[in-house]
Amino acid sequence: MTLKNKFLGMIIVIGAALAIGCGASKSYVDQQMKASDDRHKAELAAVELKTAADIARLQSLSDELSRKTDMAINDAKGFEDYTVIWSGEINFAFDSDDVSATAAQILTEAAEKMASAPRSLMEIAGHTDQAGSSKYNAQLGERRANSTKKYLAESGGIALYRLFILSYGESKPLLTGDRKNASAKNRRVTLKVWGPAS
């Protein structure tokens, strides 16, 4: 066998090996592609199931919220004719939210009025003098309203759902100026008992 024929034979053997290897490679690639495709289909199916479950859960929550909103609207019917049936005011020491003995007497009167009008509600608004920052005064007004609410609930026996608080801070002074008396008058909580007009 000549060198040329030997070389040609080797090329044929190498070519055949490459062809077989390529065939095996193509088969391997096809298997991997199919496995990847199957995985993606399974993941997509799982996402679709989760999405459907999430949509059903959100729809259920939406229906429940709608039902509760309707109930609240129905329960609120009749409040539009409420009017102030009692009002009062209590004062506080400088930078304090403690209910004084004098304030406690007024709150006792307020609680008695609420007890005599079972469907009544109370608006409790906290106020401050001009000393301090607006932000601090808004917080102090809220603390005063909350301590008033707590007193009415604990000592007056008024259910918390009947008591509503807000804070005006320094924004609604009764008196203006730097006078000591003006500042003392502005450190207050105003009380309004709302009930049916008749």
N, C-alpha and C. Protein backbone atom coordinates (compact mmCIF):
# COMPACT_ATOMS: atom_id res chain seq x y z
N MET A 1 0.86 -1.16 0.00
CA MET A 1 0.00 0.00 0.00
C MET A 1 0.90 1.22 0.00
N THR A 2 0.61 2.14 -0.87
CA THR A 2 1.45 3.33 -0.99
C THR A 2 1.10 4.30 0.12
N LEU A 3 1.96 5.20 0.29
CA LEU A 3 1.75 6.24 1.32
C LEU A 3 0.51 7.04 1.01
N LYS A 4 0.31 7.28 -0.27
CA LYS A 4 -0.85 8.05 -0.69
C LYS A 4 -2.11 7.30 -0.33
N ASN A 5 -2.20 6.02 -0.55
CA ASN A 5 -3.37 5.22 -0.23
C ASN A 5 -3.59 5.12 1.28
N LYS A 6 -2.46 4.99 2.03
CA LYS A 6 -2.59 4.95 3.48
C LYS A 6 -3.21 6.25 3.99
N PHE A 7 -2.71 7.37 3.45
CA PHE A 7 -3.20 8.68 3.87
C PHE A 7 -4.68 8.83 3.53
N LEU A 8 -5.06 8.39 2.35
CA LEU A 8 -6.45 8.45 1.91
C LEU A 8 -7.33 7.58 2.79
N GLY A 9 -6.87 6.42 3.20
CA GLY A 9 -7.61 5.53 4.08
C GLY A 9 -7.84 6.16 5.46
N MET A 10 -6.79 6.84 5.95
CA MET A 10 -6.92 7.50 7.25
C MET A 10 -7.96 8.62 7.19
N ILE A 11 -7.96 9.33 6.11
CA ILE A 11 -8.93 10.42 5.95
C ILE A 11 -10.35 9.86 5.94
N ILE A 12 -10.53 8.72 5.25
CA ILE A 12 -11.85 8.10 5.19
C ILE A 12 -12.28 7.64 6.58
N VAL A 13 -11.37 7.03 7.35
CA VAL A 13 -11.69 6.56 8.71
C VAL A 13 -12.04 7.74 9.60
N ILE A 14 -11.24 8.80 9.51
CA ILE A 14 -11.49 10.00 10.33
C ILE A 14 -12.83 10.62 9.95
N GLY A 15 -13.09 10.68 8.66
CA GLY A 15 -14.36 11.24 8.18
C GLY A 15 -15.55 10.44 8.69
N ALA A 16 -15.42 9.10 8.66
CA ALA A 16 -16.50 8.24 9.12
C ALA A 16 -16.72 8.45 10.63
N ALA A 17 -15.61 8.55 11.37
CA ALA A 17 -15.71 8.76 12.83
C ALA A 17 -16.40 10.10 13.12
N LEU A 18 -16.02 11.11 12.36
CA LEU A 18 -16.64 12.44 12.55
C LEU A 18 -18.13 12.39 12.23
N ALA A 19 -18.49 11.67 11.16
CA ALA A 19 -19.90 11.57 10.76
C ALA A 19 -20.70 10.86 11.85
N ILE A 20 -20.12 9.80 12.39
CA ILE A 20 -20.81 9.07 13.46
C ILE A 20 -20.93 9.96 14.69
N GLY A 21 -19.82 10.68 15.02
CA GLY A 21 -19.82 11.58 16.17
C GLY A 21 -20.83 12.70 15.99
N CYS A 22 -20.92 13.25 14.79
CA CYS A 22 -21.88 14.32 14.53
C CYS A 22 -23.30 13.80 14.69
N GLY A 23 -23.53 12.60 14.23
CA GLY A 23 -24.86 12.02 14.37
C GLY A 23 -25.20 11.84 15.84
N ALA A 24 -24.21 11.35 16.62
CA ALA A 24 -24.42 11.16 18.04
C ALA A 24 -24.62 12.52 18.71
N SER A 25 -23.84 13.53 18.27
CA SER A 25 -23.95 14.87 18.82
C SER A 25 -25.32 15.45 18.54
N LYS A 26 -25.81 15.29 17.33
CA LYS A 26 -27.11 15.81 16.95
C LYS A 26 -28.20 15.15 17.79
N SER A 27 -28.09 13.88 18.02
CA SER A 27 -29.05 13.16 18.83
C SER A 27 -29.02 13.67 20.27
N TYR A 28 -27.83 13.90 20.81
CA TYR A 28 -27.68 14.42 22.17
C TYR A 28 -28.30 15.82 22.28
N VAL A 29 -28.01 16.67 21.29
CA VAL A 29 -28.55 18.03 21.29
C VAL A 29 -30.07 17.98 21.22
N ASP A 30 -30.61 17.10 20.37
CA ASP A 30 -32.07 16.97 20.26
C ASP A 30 -32.68 16.56 21.60
N GLN A 31 -32.03 15.61 22.31
CA GLN A 31 -32.53 15.17 23.61
C GLN A 31 -32.53 16.33 24.62
N GLN A 32 -31.43 17.08 24.62
CA GLN A 32 -31.32 18.21 25.55
C GLN A 32 -32.37 19.29 25.24
N MET A 33 -32.59 19.55 23.98
CA MET A 33 -33.59 20.55 23.57
C MET A 33 -34.99 20.11 24.00
N LYS A 34 -35.30 18.83 23.82
CA LYS A 34 -36.60 18.31 24.20
C LYS A 34 -36.79 18.39 25.72
N ALA A 35 -35.74 18.02 26.47
CA ALA A 35 -35.82 18.08 27.93
C ALA A 35 -36.03 19.52 28.39
N SER A 36 -35.31 20.46 27.77
CA SER A 36 -35.45 21.87 28.12
C SER A 36 -36.85 22.37 27.77
N ASP A 37 -37.36 21.96 26.61
CA ASP A 37 -38.70 22.36 26.18
C ASP A 37 -39.76 21.81 27.16
N ASP A 38 -39.59 20.57 27.58
CA ASP A 38 -40.52 19.96 28.54
C ASP A 38 -40.49 20.70 29.88
N ARG A 39 -39.27 21.06 30.32
CA ARG A 39 -39.15 21.82 31.57
C ARG A 39 -39.87 23.16 31.47
N HIS A 40 -39.67 23.85 30.36
CA HIS A 40 -40.32 25.16 30.17
C HIS A 40 -41.84 25.03 30.13
N LYS A 41 -42.33 23.98 29.49
CA LYS A 41 -43.78 23.76 29.44
C LYS A 41 -44.33 23.49 30.84
N ALA A 42 -43.61 22.70 31.63
CA ALA A 42 -44.05 22.39 33.00
C ALA A 42 -44.04 23.65 33.86
N GLU A 43 -42.98 24.47 33.72
CA GLU A 43 -42.89 25.71 34.49
C GLU A 43 -44.02 26.66 34.09
N LEU A 44 -44.29 26.76 32.79
CA LEU A 44 -45.36 27.63 32.31
C LEU A 44 -46.71 27.17 32.84
N ALA A 45 -46.93 25.87 32.85
CA ALA A 45 -48.19 25.32 33.38
C ALA A 45 -48.33 25.65 34.86
N ALA A 46 -47.21 25.54 35.61
CA ALA A 46 -47.25 25.85 37.05
C ALA A 46 -47.55 27.33 37.27
N VAL A 47 -46.94 28.20 36.44
CA VAL A 47 -47.20 29.65 36.55
C VAL A 47 -48.65 29.95 36.23
N GLU A 48 -49.19 29.30 35.20
CA GLU A 48 -50.59 29.52 34.83
C GLU A 48 -51.52 29.09 35.96
N LEU A 49 -51.21 27.96 36.60
CA LEU A 49 -52.03 27.50 37.73
C LEU A 49 -51.96 28.48 38.90
N LYS A 50 -50.73 28.95 39.20
CA LYS A 50 -50.55 29.90 40.30
C LYS A 50 -51.28 31.20 39.99
N THR A 51 -51.17 31.66 38.74
CA THR A 51 -51.84 32.90 38.33
C THR A 51 -53.35 32.75 38.47
N ALA A 52 -53.88 31.61 38.03
CA ALA A 52 -55.32 31.37 38.14
C ALA A 52 -55.75 31.36 39.61
N ALA A 53 -54.93 30.73 40.47
CA ALA A 53 -55.24 30.69 41.91
C ALA A 53 -55.18 32.08 42.51
N ASP A 54 -54.16 32.86 42.11
CA ASP A 54 -54.04 34.24 42.61
C ASP A 54 -55.21 35.09 42.17
N ILE A 55 -55.62 34.95 40.92
CA ILE A 55 -56.77 35.71 40.41
C ILE A 55 -58.03 35.34 41.18
N ALA A 56 -58.22 34.06 41.43
CA ALA A 56 -59.40 33.61 42.18
C ALA A 56 -59.36 34.17 43.61
N ARG A 57 -58.16 34.15 44.23
CA ARG A 57 -58.03 34.67 45.59
C ARG A 57 -58.31 36.17 45.62
N LEU A 58 -57.76 36.92 44.66
CA LEU A 58 -57.99 38.36 44.59
C LEU A 58 -59.46 38.68 44.35
N GLN A 59 -60.11 37.88 43.51
CA GLN A 59 -61.53 38.09 43.25
C GLN A 59 -62.34 37.85 44.52
N SER A 60 -61.96 36.81 45.26
CA SER A 60 -62.64 36.52 46.52
C SER A 60 -62.46 37.67 47.51
N LEU A 61 -61.22 38.21 47.61
CA LEU A 61 -60.97 39.34 48.50
C LEU A 61 -61.76 40.57 48.06
N SER A 62 -61.82 40.79 46.75
CA SER A 62 -62.57 41.92 46.22
C SER A 62 -64.05 41.80 46.54
N ASP A 63 -64.60 40.59 46.39
CA ASP A 63 -66.01 40.36 46.71
C ASP A 63 -66.28 40.60 48.19
N GLU A 64 -65.34 40.13 49.05
CA GLU A 64 -65.50 40.30 50.50
C GLU A 64 -65.44 41.78 50.87
N LEU A 65 -64.49 42.51 50.26
CA LEU A 65 -64.38 43.94 50.53
C LEU A 65 -65.63 44.68 50.08
N SER A 66 -66.14 44.31 48.92
CA SER A 66 -67.36 44.94 48.42
C SER A 66 -68.53 44.68 49.37
N ARG A 67 -68.62 43.43 49.87
CA ARG A 67 -69.70 43.08 50.80
C ARG A 67 -69.58 43.89 52.09
N LYS A 68 -68.34 44.02 52.62
CA LYS A 68 -68.14 44.77 53.85
C LYS A 68 -68.41 46.27 53.64
N THR A 69 -68.04 46.77 52.46
CA THR A 69 -68.31 48.18 52.15
C THR A 69 -69.81 48.44 52.11
N ASP A 70 -70.54 47.52 51.47
CA ASP A 70 -72.01 47.66 51.42
C ASP A 70 -72.59 47.64 52.83
N MET A 71 -72.06 46.75 53.69
CA MET A 71 -72.56 46.68 55.06
C MET A 71 -72.28 47.99 55.80
N ALA A 72 -71.06 48.54 55.60
CA ALA A 72 -70.70 49.79 56.28
C ALA A 72 -71.59 50.94 55.81
N ILE A 73 -71.86 50.97 54.51
CA ILE A 73 -72.74 52.02 53.98
C ILE A 73 -74.14 51.88 54.56
N ASN A 74 -74.63 50.65 54.61
CA ASN A 74 -75.96 50.42 55.19
C ASN A 74 -75.99 50.80 56.67
N ASP A 75 -74.91 50.45 57.40
CA ASP A 75 -74.85 50.79 58.82
C ASP A 75 -74.77 52.30 59.04
N ALA A 76 -74.15 52.99 58.07
CA ALA A 76 -73.97 54.44 58.22
C ALA A 76 -75.24 55.22 57.89
N LYS A 77 -76.21 54.58 57.27
CA LYS A 77 -77.45 55.29 56.94
C LYS A 77 -78.09 55.81 58.22
N GLY A 78 -78.52 57.04 58.17
CA GLY A 78 -79.14 57.65 59.33
C GLY A 78 -78.20 58.62 60.05
N PHE A 79 -76.87 58.51 59.81
CA PHE A 79 -75.94 59.42 60.46
C PHE A 79 -75.93 60.80 59.82
N GLU A 80 -76.46 60.90 58.60
CA GLU A 80 -76.43 62.19 57.93
C GLU A 80 -77.28 63.25 58.63
N ASP A 81 -78.23 62.83 59.47
CA ASP A 81 -79.05 63.81 60.19
C ASP A 81 -78.55 64.03 61.62
N TYR A 82 -77.35 63.55 61.93
CA TYR A 82 -76.79 63.76 63.27
C TYR A 82 -76.45 65.24 63.44
N THR A 83 -76.55 65.66 64.66
CA THR A 83 -76.20 67.04 65.02
C THR A 83 -75.46 67.01 66.36
N VAL A 84 -74.81 68.11 66.70
CA VAL A 84 -74.09 68.19 67.98
C VAL A 84 -75.12 68.31 69.10
N ILE A 85 -75.14 67.33 70.00
CA ILE A 85 -76.11 67.34 71.11
C ILE A 85 -75.45 67.74 72.44
N TRP A 86 -74.12 67.81 72.45
CA TRP A 86 -73.39 68.27 73.63
C TRP A 86 -72.01 68.68 73.18
N SER A 87 -71.45 69.71 73.77
CA SER A 87 -70.07 70.09 73.47
C SER A 87 -69.39 70.57 74.75
N GLY A 88 -68.12 70.41 74.79
CA GLY A 88 -67.34 70.82 75.95
C GLY A 88 -65.89 70.99 75.58
N GLU A 89 -65.11 71.35 76.57
CA GLU A 89 -63.69 71.61 76.34
C GLU A 89 -62.93 71.35 77.63
N ILE A 90 -61.75 70.74 77.50
CA ILE A 90 -60.87 70.56 78.65
C ILE A 90 -59.52 71.17 78.32
N ASN A 91 -58.81 71.64 79.35
CA ASN A 91 -57.51 72.27 79.14
C ASN A 91 -56.39 71.42 79.72
N PHE A 92 -55.17 71.69 79.25
CA PHE A 92 -53.99 70.94 79.64
C PHE A 92 -52.88 71.87 80.07
N ALA A 93 -52.00 71.38 80.91
CA ALA A 93 -50.81 72.13 81.31
C ALA A 93 -49.84 72.20 80.13
N PHE A 94 -48.88 73.09 80.24
CA PHE A 94 -47.88 73.27 79.18
C PHE A 94 -47.18 71.95 78.87
N ASP A 95 -47.14 71.60 77.58
CA ASP A 95 -46.43 70.42 77.07
C ASP A 95 -46.89 69.12 77.75
N SER A 96 -48.16 69.06 78.15
CA SER A 96 -48.67 67.89 78.86
C SER A 96 -49.88 67.31 78.15
N ASP A 97 -50.07 66.00 78.32
CA ASP A 97 -51.28 65.35 77.83
C ASP A 97 -52.01 64.64 78.98
N ASP A 98 -51.68 65.02 80.22
CA ASP A 98 -52.33 64.42 81.40
C ASP A 98 -53.70 65.05 81.63
N VAL A 99 -54.70 64.20 81.88
CA VAL A 99 -56.06 64.68 82.17
C VAL A 99 -56.11 65.11 83.63
N SER A 100 -56.43 66.40 83.85
CA SER A 100 -56.48 66.94 85.21
C SER A 100 -57.79 66.55 85.90
N ALA A 101 -57.87 66.83 87.20
CA ALA A 101 -59.09 66.54 87.96
C ALA A 101 -60.26 67.36 87.44
N THR A 102 -60.01 68.62 87.06
CA THR A 102 -61.07 69.47 86.50
C THR A 102 -61.54 68.90 85.17
N ALA A 103 -60.60 68.48 84.34
CA ALA A 103 -60.94 67.89 83.04
C ALA A 103 -61.73 66.60 83.24
N ALA A 104 -61.37 65.82 84.25
CA ALA A 104 -62.05 64.54 84.52
C ALA A 104 -63.53 64.76 84.82
N GLN A 105 -63.87 65.85 85.53
CA GLN A 105 -65.28 66.16 85.82
C GLN A 105 -66.06 66.43 84.53
N ILE A 106 -65.43 67.17 83.63
CA ILE A 106 -66.09 67.48 82.35
C ILE A 106 -66.25 66.21 81.52
N LEU A 107 -65.24 65.34 81.54
CA LEU A 107 -65.31 64.09 80.78
C LEU A 107 -66.36 63.15 81.36
N THR A 108 -66.56 63.19 82.66
CA THR A 108 -67.62 62.39 83.29
C THR A 108 -68.98 62.85 82.79
N GLU A 109 -69.16 64.16 82.67
CA GLU A 109 -70.40 64.71 82.14
C GLU A 109 -70.61 64.27 80.68
N ALA A 110 -69.51 64.30 79.91
CA ALA A 110 -69.58 63.88 78.50
C ALA A 110 -69.98 62.40 78.40
N ALA A 111 -69.38 61.56 79.25
CA ALA A 111 -69.68 60.13 79.23
C ALA A 111 -71.14 59.89 79.59
N GLU A 112 -71.67 60.66 80.56
CA GLU A 112 -73.08 60.52 80.93
C GLU A 112 -74.00 60.90 79.78
N LYS A 113 -73.62 61.94 79.04
CA LYS A 113 -74.42 62.36 77.88
C LYS A 113 -74.42 61.26 76.82
N MET A 114 -73.26 60.65 76.60
CA MET A 114 -73.17 59.57 75.62
C MET A 114 -73.97 58.34 76.07
N ALA A 115 -73.97 58.07 77.37
CA ALA A 115 -74.72 56.93 77.90
C ALA A 115 -76.22 57.15 77.71
N SER A 116 -76.66 58.39 77.79
CA SER A 116 -78.09 58.69 77.63
C SER A 116 -78.51 58.71 76.16
N ALA A 117 -77.54 58.72 75.26
CA ALA A 117 -77.82 58.70 73.81
C ALA A 117 -77.01 57.55 73.21
N PRO A 118 -77.55 56.32 73.26
CA PRO A 118 -76.78 55.12 72.90
C PRO A 118 -76.18 55.12 71.48
N ARG A 119 -76.79 55.84 70.55
CA ARG A 119 -76.25 55.84 69.18
C ARG A 119 -75.32 57.02 68.93
N SER A 120 -74.96 57.75 69.97
CA SER A 120 -74.12 58.93 69.81
C SER A 120 -72.65 58.57 69.58
N LEU A 121 -71.94 59.52 69.01
CA LEU A 121 -70.51 59.41 68.74
C LEU A 121 -69.83 60.66 69.28
N MET A 122 -68.54 60.57 69.59
CA MET A 122 -67.85 61.77 70.06
C MET A 122 -66.65 62.09 69.19
N GLU A 123 -66.54 63.37 68.85
CA GLU A 123 -65.39 63.91 68.14
C GLU A 123 -64.48 64.55 69.18
N ILE A 124 -63.22 64.13 69.22
CA ILE A 124 -62.25 64.61 70.20
C ILE A 124 -61.10 65.27 69.43
N ALA A 125 -60.98 66.60 69.55
CA ALA A 125 -59.98 67.33 68.76
C ALA A 125 -58.94 67.97 69.67
N GLY A 126 -57.67 67.60 69.44
CA GLY A 126 -56.57 68.13 70.24
C GLY A 126 -56.01 69.41 69.66
N HIS A 127 -55.67 70.36 70.55
CA HIS A 127 -55.12 71.66 70.16
C HIS A 127 -53.92 71.99 71.04
N THR A 128 -53.07 72.88 70.56
CA THR A 128 -51.90 73.31 71.33
C THR A 128 -51.75 74.83 71.23
N ASP A 129 -50.81 75.36 72.03
CA ASP A 129 -50.43 76.76 71.86
C ASP A 129 -49.41 76.87 70.74
N GLN A 130 -48.83 78.05 70.56
CA GLN A 130 -47.90 78.28 69.45
C GLN A 130 -46.46 77.86 69.75
N ALA A 131 -46.15 77.53 70.99
CA ALA A 131 -44.78 77.15 71.33
C ALA A 131 -44.42 75.82 70.67
N GLY A 132 -43.21 75.73 70.15
CA GLY A 132 -42.77 74.48 69.51
C GLY A 132 -43.04 74.48 68.02
N SER A 133 -42.52 73.44 67.35
CA SER A 133 -42.69 73.33 65.90
C SER A 133 -44.10 72.84 65.56
N SER A 134 -44.52 73.09 64.34
CA SER A 134 -45.84 72.64 63.89
C SER A 134 -45.96 71.12 63.99
N LYS A 135 -44.88 70.42 63.61
CA LYS A 135 -44.90 68.95 63.65
C LYS A 135 -45.07 68.46 65.09
N TYR A 136 -44.29 69.03 66.01
CA TYR A 136 -44.38 68.62 67.40
C TYR A 136 -45.78 68.92 67.95
N ASN A 137 -46.31 70.09 67.62
CA ASN A 137 -47.63 70.47 68.12
C ASN A 137 -48.74 69.56 67.57
N ALA A 138 -48.59 69.13 66.33
CA ALA A 138 -49.57 68.18 65.77
C ALA A 138 -49.54 66.87 66.57
N GLN A 139 -48.32 66.43 66.92
CA GLN A 139 -48.19 65.19 67.72
C GLN A 139 -48.72 65.39 69.14
N LEU A 140 -48.45 66.55 69.73
CA LEU A 140 -48.93 66.84 71.08
C LEU A 140 -50.46 66.91 71.10
N GLY A 141 -51.05 67.54 70.09
CA GLY A 141 -52.50 67.59 69.99
C GLY A 141 -53.10 66.20 69.89
N GLU A 142 -52.43 65.31 69.14
CA GLU A 142 -52.90 63.93 69.01
C GLU A 142 -52.77 63.19 70.34
N ARG A 143 -51.67 63.42 71.06
CA ARG A 143 -51.50 62.77 72.37
C ARG A 143 -52.60 63.22 73.34
N ARG A 144 -52.92 64.50 73.31
CA ARG A 144 -53.99 65.00 74.19
C ARG A 144 -55.33 64.37 73.83
N ALA A 145 -55.61 64.27 72.53
CA ALA A 145 -56.86 63.63 72.11
C ALA A 145 -56.90 62.16 72.51
N ASN A 146 -55.77 61.49 72.38
CA ASN A 146 -55.71 60.06 72.74
C ASN A 146 -55.85 59.85 74.25
N SER A 147 -55.26 60.72 75.06
CA SER A 147 -55.40 60.55 76.51
C SER A 147 -56.85 60.81 76.93
N THR A 148 -57.52 61.73 76.23
CA THR A 148 -58.94 61.99 76.50
C THR A 148 -59.77 60.78 76.13
N LYS A 149 -59.48 60.21 74.98
CA LYS A 149 -60.20 59.01 74.52
C LYS A 149 -60.00 57.85 75.50
N LYS A 150 -58.76 57.67 75.94
CA LYS A 150 -58.45 56.60 76.89
C LYS A 150 -59.23 56.80 78.19
N TYR A 151 -59.28 58.04 78.68
CA TYR A 151 -60.01 58.31 79.91
C TYR A 151 -61.49 57.98 79.75
N LEU A 152 -62.08 58.41 78.62
CA LEU A 152 -63.51 58.14 78.38
C LEU A 152 -63.80 56.64 78.30
N ALA A 153 -62.87 55.90 77.70
CA ALA A 153 -63.06 54.45 77.56
C ALA A 153 -62.90 53.75 78.90
N GLU A 154 -61.84 54.10 79.63
CA GLU A 154 -61.52 53.38 80.87
C GLU A 154 -62.39 53.84 82.05
N SER A 155 -62.54 55.14 82.21
CA SER A 155 -63.29 55.64 83.37
C SER A 155 -64.76 55.90 83.06
N GLY A 156 -65.06 56.23 81.80
CA GLY A 156 -66.44 56.54 81.44
C GLY A 156 -67.19 55.36 80.87
N GLY A 157 -66.47 54.27 80.54
CA GLY A 157 -67.12 53.08 80.01
C GLY A 157 -67.65 53.24 78.59
N ILE A 158 -67.09 54.17 77.83
CA ILE A 158 -67.54 54.40 76.45
C ILE A 158 -66.75 53.50 75.51
N ALA A 159 -67.46 52.80 74.64
CA ALA A 159 -66.80 51.90 73.68
C ALA A 159 -65.91 52.71 72.74
N LEU A 160 -64.73 52.19 72.45
CA LEU A 160 -63.76 52.90 71.62
C LEU A 160 -64.28 53.24 70.23
N TYR A 161 -65.14 52.37 69.68
CA TYR A 161 -65.62 52.63 68.32
C TYR A 161 -66.52 53.86 68.24
N ARG A 162 -66.93 54.38 69.38
CA ARG A 162 -67.78 55.58 69.41
C ARG A 162 -66.96 56.86 69.56
N LEU A 163 -65.64 56.73 69.70
CA LEU A 163 -64.77 57.88 69.95
C LEU A 163 -63.81 58.10 68.79
N PHE A 164 -63.81 59.29 68.23
CA PHE A 164 -62.98 59.61 67.07
C PHE A 164 -62.07 60.79 67.41
N ILE A 165 -60.78 60.63 67.13
CA ILE A 165 -59.83 61.69 67.47
C ILE A 165 -59.26 62.35 66.22
N LEU A 166 -58.83 63.60 66.40
CA LEU A 166 -58.04 64.30 65.39
C LEU A 166 -57.22 65.34 66.11
N SER A 167 -56.22 65.88 65.43
CA SER A 167 -55.36 66.90 66.03
C SER A 167 -55.26 68.08 65.08
N TYR A 168 -55.50 69.26 65.63
CA TYR A 168 -55.30 70.49 64.87
C TYR A 168 -53.97 71.15 65.23
N GLY A 169 -53.29 70.61 66.26
CA GLY A 169 -52.03 71.23 66.68
C GLY A 169 -52.26 72.68 67.05
N GLU A 170 -51.43 73.54 66.47
CA GLU A 170 -51.50 74.98 66.77
C GLU A 170 -52.36 75.74 65.76
N SER A 171 -52.96 75.03 64.80
CA SER A 171 -53.59 75.70 63.65
C SER A 171 -54.92 76.38 63.92
N LYS A 172 -55.58 76.09 65.05
CA LYS A 172 -56.88 76.70 65.34
C LYS A 172 -56.89 77.30 66.75
N PRO A 173 -56.12 78.37 66.94
CA PRO A 173 -56.08 78.96 68.29
C PRO A 173 -57.39 79.67 68.63
N LEU A 174 -57.78 79.60 69.90
CA LEU A 174 -58.93 80.37 70.38
C LEU A 174 -58.55 81.83 70.49
N LEU A 175 -57.35 82.06 71.04
CA LEU A 175 -56.83 83.41 71.23
C LEU A 175 -55.45 83.48 70.60
N THR A 176 -55.09 84.65 70.08
CA THR A 176 -53.77 84.81 69.48
C THR A 176 -52.95 85.79 70.31
N GLY A 177 -51.67 85.82 70.05
CA GLY A 177 -50.77 86.69 70.78
C GLY A 177 -49.90 85.90 71.72
N ASP A 178 -48.97 86.59 72.33
CA ASP A 178 -48.01 85.94 73.21
C ASP A 178 -48.45 85.96 74.67
N ARG A 179 -49.64 86.43 74.93
CA ARG A 179 -50.09 86.51 76.32
C ARG A 179 -50.14 85.11 76.93
N LYS A 180 -49.79 85.05 78.19
CA LYS A 180 -49.80 83.78 78.92
C LYS A 180 -51.20 83.18 78.93
N ASN A 181 -52.21 84.01 79.11
CA ASN A 181 -53.59 83.55 79.15
C ASN A 181 -54.02 82.93 77.81
N ALA A 182 -53.57 83.56 76.70
CA ALA A 182 -53.91 83.05 75.37
C ALA A 182 -53.34 81.65 75.18
N SER A 183 -52.08 81.46 75.58
CA SER A 183 -51.45 80.15 75.42
C SER A 183 -52.16 79.10 76.24
N ALA A 184 -52.55 79.43 77.48
CA ALA A 184 -53.24 78.48 78.35
C ALA A 184 -54.59 78.08 77.76
N LYS A 185 -55.31 79.04 77.19
CA LYS A 185 -56.63 78.75 76.59
C LYS A 185 -56.49 77.86 75.35
N ASN A 186 -55.38 77.99 74.64
CA ASN A 186 -55.19 77.22 73.40
C ASN A 186 -54.75 75.78 73.66
N ARG A 187 -54.27 75.49 74.85
CA ARG A 187 -53.85 74.12 75.19
C ARG A 187 -55.09 73.35 75.62
N ARG A 188 -55.79 72.75 74.67
CA ARG A 188 -57.11 72.22 74.97
C ARG A 188 -57.46 71.02 74.10
N VAL A 189 -58.54 70.34 74.49
CA VAL A 189 -59.22 69.36 73.65
C VAL A 189 -60.68 69.78 73.59
N THR A 190 -61.20 69.89 72.38
CA THR A 190 -62.62 70.20 72.23
C THR A 190 -63.39 68.90 72.03
N LEU A 191 -64.57 68.84 72.62
CA LEU A 191 -65.39 67.63 72.61
C LEU A 191 -66.74 67.94 71.98
N LYS A 192 -67.16 67.09 71.06
CA LYS A 192 -68.49 67.23 70.47
C LYS A 192 -69.15 65.87 70.45
N VAL A 193 -70.31 65.79 71.10
CA VAL A 193 -71.09 64.55 71.05
C VAL A 193 -72.13 64.74 69.95
N TRP A 194 -72.07 63.82 68.97
CA TRP A 194 -73.00 63.85 67.84
C TRP A 194 -74.06 62.78 68.06
N GLY A 195 -75.31 63.14 67.82
CA GLY A 195 -76.39 62.18 67.96
C GLY A 195 -77.56 62.54 67.06
N PRO A 196 -78.55 61.69 66.99
CA PRO A 196 -79.73 61.97 66.15
C PRO A 196 -80.38 63.27 66.58
N ALA A 197 -80.83 64.02 65.60
CA ALA A 197 -81.42 65.34 65.87
C ALA A 197 -82.64 65.24 66.77
N SER A 198 -83.44 64.21 66.62
CA SER A 198 -84.67 64.10 67.43
C SER A 198 -84.43 63.42 68.75
